[in-house]
């Protein structure tokens, strides 16, 4: 008999706790939705910031490549003298930027 009363008490306690959790669920859901929208906004801002950084790096790389090409470097050209060709173009670009006269060829 005592076991039957104890099991009825346990079942009613479980039902009461489930009812309490169901009534608190909409409030929790609303709070988590607000947090989710803030997280989504910060994710969007982070994504936009990363995209802007990628575009800036790409623009810088393309500008450097254009400068090197204007100073004689051809990335699609003959690669037998690759490091020297690139270094010569870098040296010419640096000399133009500082206003120095390029050294005469030997």
N, C-alpha and C. Protein backbone atom coordinates (compact mmCIF):
# COMPACT_ATOMS: atom_id res chain seq x y z
N UNK A 1 0.81 -1.19 0.00
CA UNK A 1 0.00 0.00 0.00
C UNK A 1 0.86 1.26 0.00
N UNK A 2 1.91 1.24 0.81
CA UNK A 2 2.79 2.39 0.87
C UNK A 2 3.49 2.60 -0.47
N UNK A 3 3.86 1.54 -1.13
CA UNK A 3 4.53 1.64 -2.42
C UNK A 3 3.60 2.28 -3.45
N UNK A 4 2.30 1.95 -3.40
CA UNK A 4 1.33 2.52 -4.33
C UNK A 4 1.18 4.02 -4.10
N UNK A 5 1.16 4.46 -2.84
CA UNK A 5 1.05 5.89 -2.53
C UNK A 5 2.31 6.63 -2.97
N UNK A 6 3.45 6.00 -2.77
CA UNK A 6 4.71 6.62 -3.15
C UNK A 6 4.81 6.77 -4.67
N UNK A 7 4.37 5.77 -5.41
CA UNK A 7 4.43 5.85 -6.86
C UNK A 7 3.44 6.90 -7.40
N UNK A 8 2.28 7.01 -6.77
CA UNK A 8 1.31 8.04 -7.18
C UNK A 8 1.89 9.42 -6.91
N UNK A 9 2.57 9.58 -5.77
CA UNK A 9 3.19 10.86 -5.44
C UNK A 9 4.29 11.20 -6.45
N UNK A 10 5.08 10.21 -6.83
CA UNK A 10 6.16 10.43 -7.79
C UNK A 10 5.61 10.83 -9.16
N UNK A 11 4.55 10.13 -9.59
CA UNK A 11 3.95 10.46 -10.88
C UNK A 11 3.36 11.86 -10.86
N UNK A 12 2.67 12.23 -9.79
CA UNK A 12 2.09 13.58 -9.72
C UNK A 12 3.19 14.64 -9.65
N UNK A 13 4.32 14.37 -9.01
CA UNK A 13 5.42 15.32 -8.94
C UNK A 13 6.04 15.51 -10.33
N UNK A 14 6.16 14.43 -11.07
CA UNK A 14 6.71 14.52 -12.43
C UNK A 14 5.78 15.33 -13.32
N UNK A 15 4.47 15.10 -13.19
CA UNK A 15 3.50 15.84 -14.00
C UNK A 15 3.53 17.32 -13.65
N UNK A 16 3.64 17.63 -12.37
CA UNK A 16 3.67 19.03 -11.95
C UNK A 16 4.92 19.73 -12.49
N UNK A 17 6.05 19.05 -12.42
CA UNK A 17 7.27 19.68 -12.91
C UNK A 17 7.24 19.85 -14.43
N UNK A 18 6.63 18.91 -15.14
CA UNK A 18 6.53 19.07 -16.59
C UNK A 18 5.60 20.21 -16.95
N UNK A 19 4.51 20.40 -16.19
CA UNK A 19 3.61 21.52 -16.45
C UNK A 19 4.30 22.85 -16.19
N UNK A 20 5.11 22.90 -15.15
CA UNK A 20 5.84 24.14 -14.87
C UNK A 20 6.85 24.43 -15.97
N UNK A 21 7.51 23.42 -16.47
CA UNK A 21 8.50 23.66 -17.51
C UNK A 21 7.84 24.07 -18.83
N UNK A 22 6.64 23.54 -19.11
CA UNK A 22 5.93 23.92 -20.33
C UNK A 22 5.48 25.36 -20.25
N UNK A 23 5.03 25.83 -19.08
CA UNK A 23 4.59 27.22 -18.96
C UNK A 23 5.77 28.18 -19.04
N UNK A 24 6.93 27.75 -18.62
CA UNK A 24 8.11 28.61 -18.69
C UNK A 24 8.77 28.56 -20.06
N UNK A 25 8.40 27.63 -20.90
CA UNK A 25 9.02 27.46 -22.20
C UNK A 25 8.86 28.67 -23.12
N UNK A 26 7.67 29.28 -23.25
CA UNK A 26 7.56 30.44 -24.15
C UNK A 26 8.43 31.61 -23.71
N UNK A 27 8.56 31.84 -22.40
CA UNK A 27 9.40 32.93 -21.94
C UNK A 27 10.87 32.66 -22.28
N UNK A 28 11.27 31.42 -22.10
CA UNK A 28 12.64 31.06 -22.42
C UNK A 28 12.88 31.15 -23.93
N UNK A 29 11.90 30.74 -24.71
CA UNK A 29 12.04 30.78 -26.16
C UNK A 29 12.16 32.23 -26.64
N UNK A 30 11.39 33.13 -26.05
CA UNK A 30 11.47 34.53 -26.44
C UNK A 30 12.84 35.11 -26.09
N UNK A 31 13.36 34.73 -24.93
CA UNK A 31 14.67 35.22 -24.53
C UNK A 31 15.75 34.66 -25.45
N UNK A 32 15.63 33.39 -25.81
CA UNK A 32 16.64 32.80 -26.69
C UNK A 32 16.53 33.36 -28.11
N UNK A 33 15.32 33.73 -28.54
CA UNK A 33 15.17 34.34 -29.86
C UNK A 33 15.86 35.70 -29.91
N UNK A 34 15.76 36.46 -28.81
CA UNK A 34 16.43 37.76 -28.76
C UNK A 34 17.94 37.56 -28.80
N UNK A 35 18.42 36.56 -28.07
CA UNK A 35 19.85 36.26 -28.10
C UNK A 35 20.28 35.77 -29.46
N UNK A 36 19.42 35.00 -30.10
CA UNK A 36 19.75 34.48 -31.42
C UNK A 36 19.82 35.61 -32.44
N UNK A 37 18.92 36.58 -32.34
CA UNK A 37 18.96 37.69 -33.29
C UNK A 37 20.21 38.54 -33.08
N UNK A 38 20.62 38.70 -31.81
CA UNK A 38 21.88 39.43 -31.55
C UNK A 38 23.06 38.65 -32.09
N UNK A 39 23.02 37.33 -31.92
CA UNK A 39 24.11 36.50 -32.42
C UNK A 39 24.13 36.54 -33.95
N UNK A 40 22.94 36.52 -34.56
CA UNK A 40 22.88 36.57 -36.02
C UNK A 40 23.41 37.91 -36.53
N UNK A 41 23.08 38.98 -35.83
CA UNK A 41 23.57 40.29 -36.22
C UNK A 41 25.09 40.34 -36.10
N UNK A 42 25.61 39.81 -35.00
CA UNK A 42 27.05 39.84 -34.85
C UNK A 42 27.72 38.92 -35.87
N UNK A 43 27.07 37.81 -36.22
CA UNK A 43 27.62 36.93 -37.26
C UNK A 43 27.63 37.66 -38.59
N UNK A 44 26.55 38.40 -38.88
CA UNK A 44 26.49 39.14 -40.13
C UNK A 44 27.56 40.23 -40.17
N UNK A 45 27.73 40.91 -39.03
CA UNK A 45 28.75 41.96 -38.97
C UNK A 45 30.14 41.36 -39.14
N UNK A 46 30.37 40.21 -38.50
CA UNK A 46 31.66 39.54 -38.61
C UNK A 46 31.92 39.09 -40.04
N UNK A 47 30.88 38.55 -40.67
CA UNK A 47 31.00 38.10 -42.06
C UNK A 47 31.30 39.29 -42.98
N UNK A 48 30.62 40.41 -42.76
CA UNK A 48 30.85 41.60 -43.58
C UNK A 48 32.26 42.14 -43.37
N UNK A 49 32.73 42.10 -42.12
CA UNK A 49 34.08 42.58 -41.82
C UNK A 49 35.12 41.69 -42.51
N UNK A 50 34.93 40.38 -42.43
CA UNK A 50 35.88 39.47 -43.08
C UNK A 50 35.87 39.67 -44.60
N UNK A 51 34.69 39.90 -45.17
CA UNK A 51 34.60 40.12 -46.61
C UNK A 51 35.33 41.40 -46.99
N UNK A 52 35.17 42.45 -46.20
CA UNK A 52 35.86 43.71 -46.48
C UNK A 52 37.38 43.54 -46.38
N UNK A 53 37.83 42.75 -45.40
CA UNK A 53 39.26 42.51 -45.26
C UNK A 53 39.80 41.72 -46.46
N UNK A 54 39.03 40.72 -46.93
CA UNK A 54 39.45 39.95 -48.10
C UNK A 54 39.55 40.84 -49.33
N UNK A 55 38.56 41.72 -49.50
CA UNK A 55 38.57 42.62 -50.65
C UNK A 55 39.76 43.57 -50.58
N UNK A 56 40.08 44.06 -49.39
CA UNK A 56 41.20 44.97 -49.22
C UNK A 56 42.52 44.26 -49.53
N UNK A 57 42.68 43.02 -49.02
CA UNK A 57 43.90 42.27 -49.31
C UNK A 57 44.03 41.99 -50.80
N UNK A 58 42.92 41.63 -51.44
CA UNK A 58 42.95 41.35 -52.87
C UNK A 58 43.32 42.60 -53.66
N UNK A 59 42.75 43.74 -53.28
CA UNK A 59 43.05 44.99 -53.97
C UNK A 59 44.52 45.35 -53.81
N UNK A 60 45.06 45.15 -52.60
CA UNK A 60 46.47 45.44 -52.35
C UNK A 60 47.36 44.54 -53.20
N UNK A 61 47.03 43.25 -53.24
CA UNK A 61 47.81 42.28 -54.02
C UNK A 61 47.78 42.65 -55.50
N UNK A 62 46.59 42.98 -56.00
CA UNK A 62 46.46 43.33 -57.41
C UNK A 62 47.22 44.61 -57.75
N UNK A 63 47.21 45.57 -56.82
CA UNK A 63 47.95 46.82 -57.04
C UNK A 63 49.45 46.55 -57.08
N UNK A 64 49.93 45.68 -56.17
CA UNK A 64 51.35 45.35 -56.16
C UNK A 64 51.75 44.63 -57.45
N UNK A 65 50.91 43.70 -57.89
CA UNK A 65 51.20 42.97 -59.12
C UNK A 65 51.21 43.91 -60.32
N UNK A 66 50.27 44.85 -60.35
CA UNK A 66 50.23 45.80 -61.46
C UNK A 66 51.49 46.66 -61.48
N UNK A 67 51.94 47.08 -60.30
CA UNK A 67 53.16 47.87 -60.21
C UNK A 67 54.36 47.08 -60.71
N UNK A 68 54.43 45.81 -60.31
CA UNK A 68 55.54 44.98 -60.78
C UNK A 68 55.49 44.77 -62.28
N UNK A 69 54.30 44.56 -62.81
CA UNK A 69 54.17 44.38 -64.26
C UNK A 69 54.56 45.64 -65.01
N UNK A 70 54.24 46.81 -64.46
CA UNK A 70 54.63 48.07 -65.10
C UNK A 70 56.14 48.27 -65.08
N UNK A 71 56.80 47.58 -64.15
CA UNK A 71 58.26 47.71 -64.03
C UNK A 71 59.00 46.53 -64.65
N UNK A 72 58.34 45.79 -65.52
CA UNK A 72 59.03 44.78 -66.29
C UNK A 72 58.79 43.33 -65.89
N UNK A 73 58.06 43.06 -64.84
CA UNK A 73 57.84 41.67 -64.44
C UNK A 73 56.65 41.11 -65.20
N UNK A 74 56.80 39.91 -65.75
CA UNK A 74 55.73 39.24 -66.46
C UNK A 74 55.53 37.86 -65.82
N UNK A 75 54.47 37.68 -65.01
CA UNK A 75 54.28 36.40 -64.32
C UNK A 75 54.03 35.25 -65.29
N UNK A 76 53.53 35.52 -66.47
CA UNK A 76 53.26 34.46 -67.44
C UNK A 76 54.42 34.26 -68.40
N UNK A 77 55.46 35.03 -68.24
CA UNK A 77 56.59 34.97 -69.18
C UNK A 77 57.56 33.85 -68.86
N UNK A 78 58.75 33.98 -69.39
CA UNK A 78 59.82 33.00 -69.22
C UNK A 78 60.21 32.94 -67.74
N UNK A 79 60.13 31.76 -67.15
CA UNK A 79 60.39 31.62 -65.72
C UNK A 79 61.78 31.08 -65.42
N UNK A 80 62.66 31.05 -66.41
CA UNK A 80 64.00 30.53 -66.16
C UNK A 80 64.80 31.44 -65.24
N UNK A 81 64.54 32.74 -65.32
CA UNK A 81 65.21 33.71 -64.44
C UNK A 81 64.21 34.30 -63.45
N UNK A 82 63.33 33.45 -62.94
CA UNK A 82 62.20 33.92 -62.11
C UNK A 82 62.62 34.81 -60.94
N UNK A 83 63.44 34.39 -60.04
CA UNK A 83 63.65 35.27 -58.89
C UNK A 83 64.33 36.57 -59.27
N UNK A 84 65.23 36.51 -60.22
CA UNK A 84 65.94 37.73 -60.61
C UNK A 84 65.02 38.72 -61.31
N UNK A 85 64.13 38.23 -62.17
CA UNK A 85 63.18 39.11 -62.86
C UNK A 85 62.28 39.82 -61.85
N UNK A 86 61.80 39.08 -60.88
CA UNK A 86 60.92 39.66 -59.86
C UNK A 86 61.68 40.68 -59.02
N UNK A 87 62.90 40.34 -58.62
CA UNK A 87 63.69 41.25 -57.81
C UNK A 87 64.04 42.53 -58.57
N UNK A 88 64.32 42.41 -59.86
CA UNK A 88 64.59 43.60 -60.67
C UNK A 88 63.37 44.51 -60.73
N UNK A 89 62.18 43.92 -60.92
CA UNK A 89 60.95 44.72 -60.97
C UNK A 89 60.68 45.37 -59.62
N UNK A 90 60.93 44.66 -58.53
CA UNK A 90 60.73 45.24 -57.20
C UNK A 90 61.70 46.40 -56.96
N UNK A 91 62.93 46.23 -57.40
CA UNK A 91 63.92 47.29 -57.23
C UNK A 91 63.54 48.53 -58.03
N UNK A 92 63.09 48.34 -59.26
CA UNK A 92 62.66 49.47 -60.09
C UNK A 92 61.46 50.18 -59.45
N UNK A 93 60.52 49.42 -58.95
CA UNK A 93 59.33 50.01 -58.32
C UNK A 93 59.73 50.81 -57.09
N UNK A 94 60.65 50.27 -56.31
CA UNK A 94 61.10 50.97 -55.10
C UNK A 94 61.84 52.25 -55.46
N UNK A 95 62.66 52.20 -56.50
CA UNK A 95 63.39 53.38 -56.92
C UNK A 95 62.45 54.46 -57.43
N UNK A 96 61.42 54.07 -58.14
CA UNK A 96 60.43 55.05 -58.61
C UNK A 96 59.67 55.66 -57.44
N UNK A 97 59.38 54.84 -56.45
CA UNK A 97 58.63 55.33 -55.29
C UNK A 97 59.45 56.31 -54.46
N UNK A 98 60.76 56.08 -54.37
CA UNK A 98 61.60 56.98 -53.58
C UNK A 98 62.17 58.12 -54.39
N UNK A 99 62.00 58.07 -55.70
CA UNK A 99 62.45 59.16 -56.55
C UNK A 99 63.89 59.04 -56.99
N UNK A 100 64.50 57.88 -56.75
CA UNK A 100 65.88 57.66 -57.17
C UNK A 100 65.93 57.30 -58.65
N UNK A 101 67.05 57.57 -59.27
CA UNK A 101 67.23 57.17 -60.65
C UNK A 101 67.59 55.69 -60.69
N UNK A 102 67.03 54.95 -61.62
CA UNK A 102 67.42 53.54 -61.73
C UNK A 102 68.89 53.41 -62.10
N UNK A 103 69.54 52.40 -61.57
CA UNK A 103 70.94 52.15 -61.90
C UNK A 103 71.05 51.71 -63.34
N UNK A 104 72.12 52.11 -63.98
CA UNK A 104 72.29 51.74 -65.39
C UNK A 104 72.63 50.25 -65.48
N UNK A 105 72.21 49.67 -66.56
CA UNK A 105 72.47 48.24 -66.76
C UNK A 105 73.93 48.04 -67.11
N UNK A 106 74.55 46.97 -66.62
CA UNK A 106 75.99 46.75 -66.93
C UNK A 106 76.20 46.31 -68.33
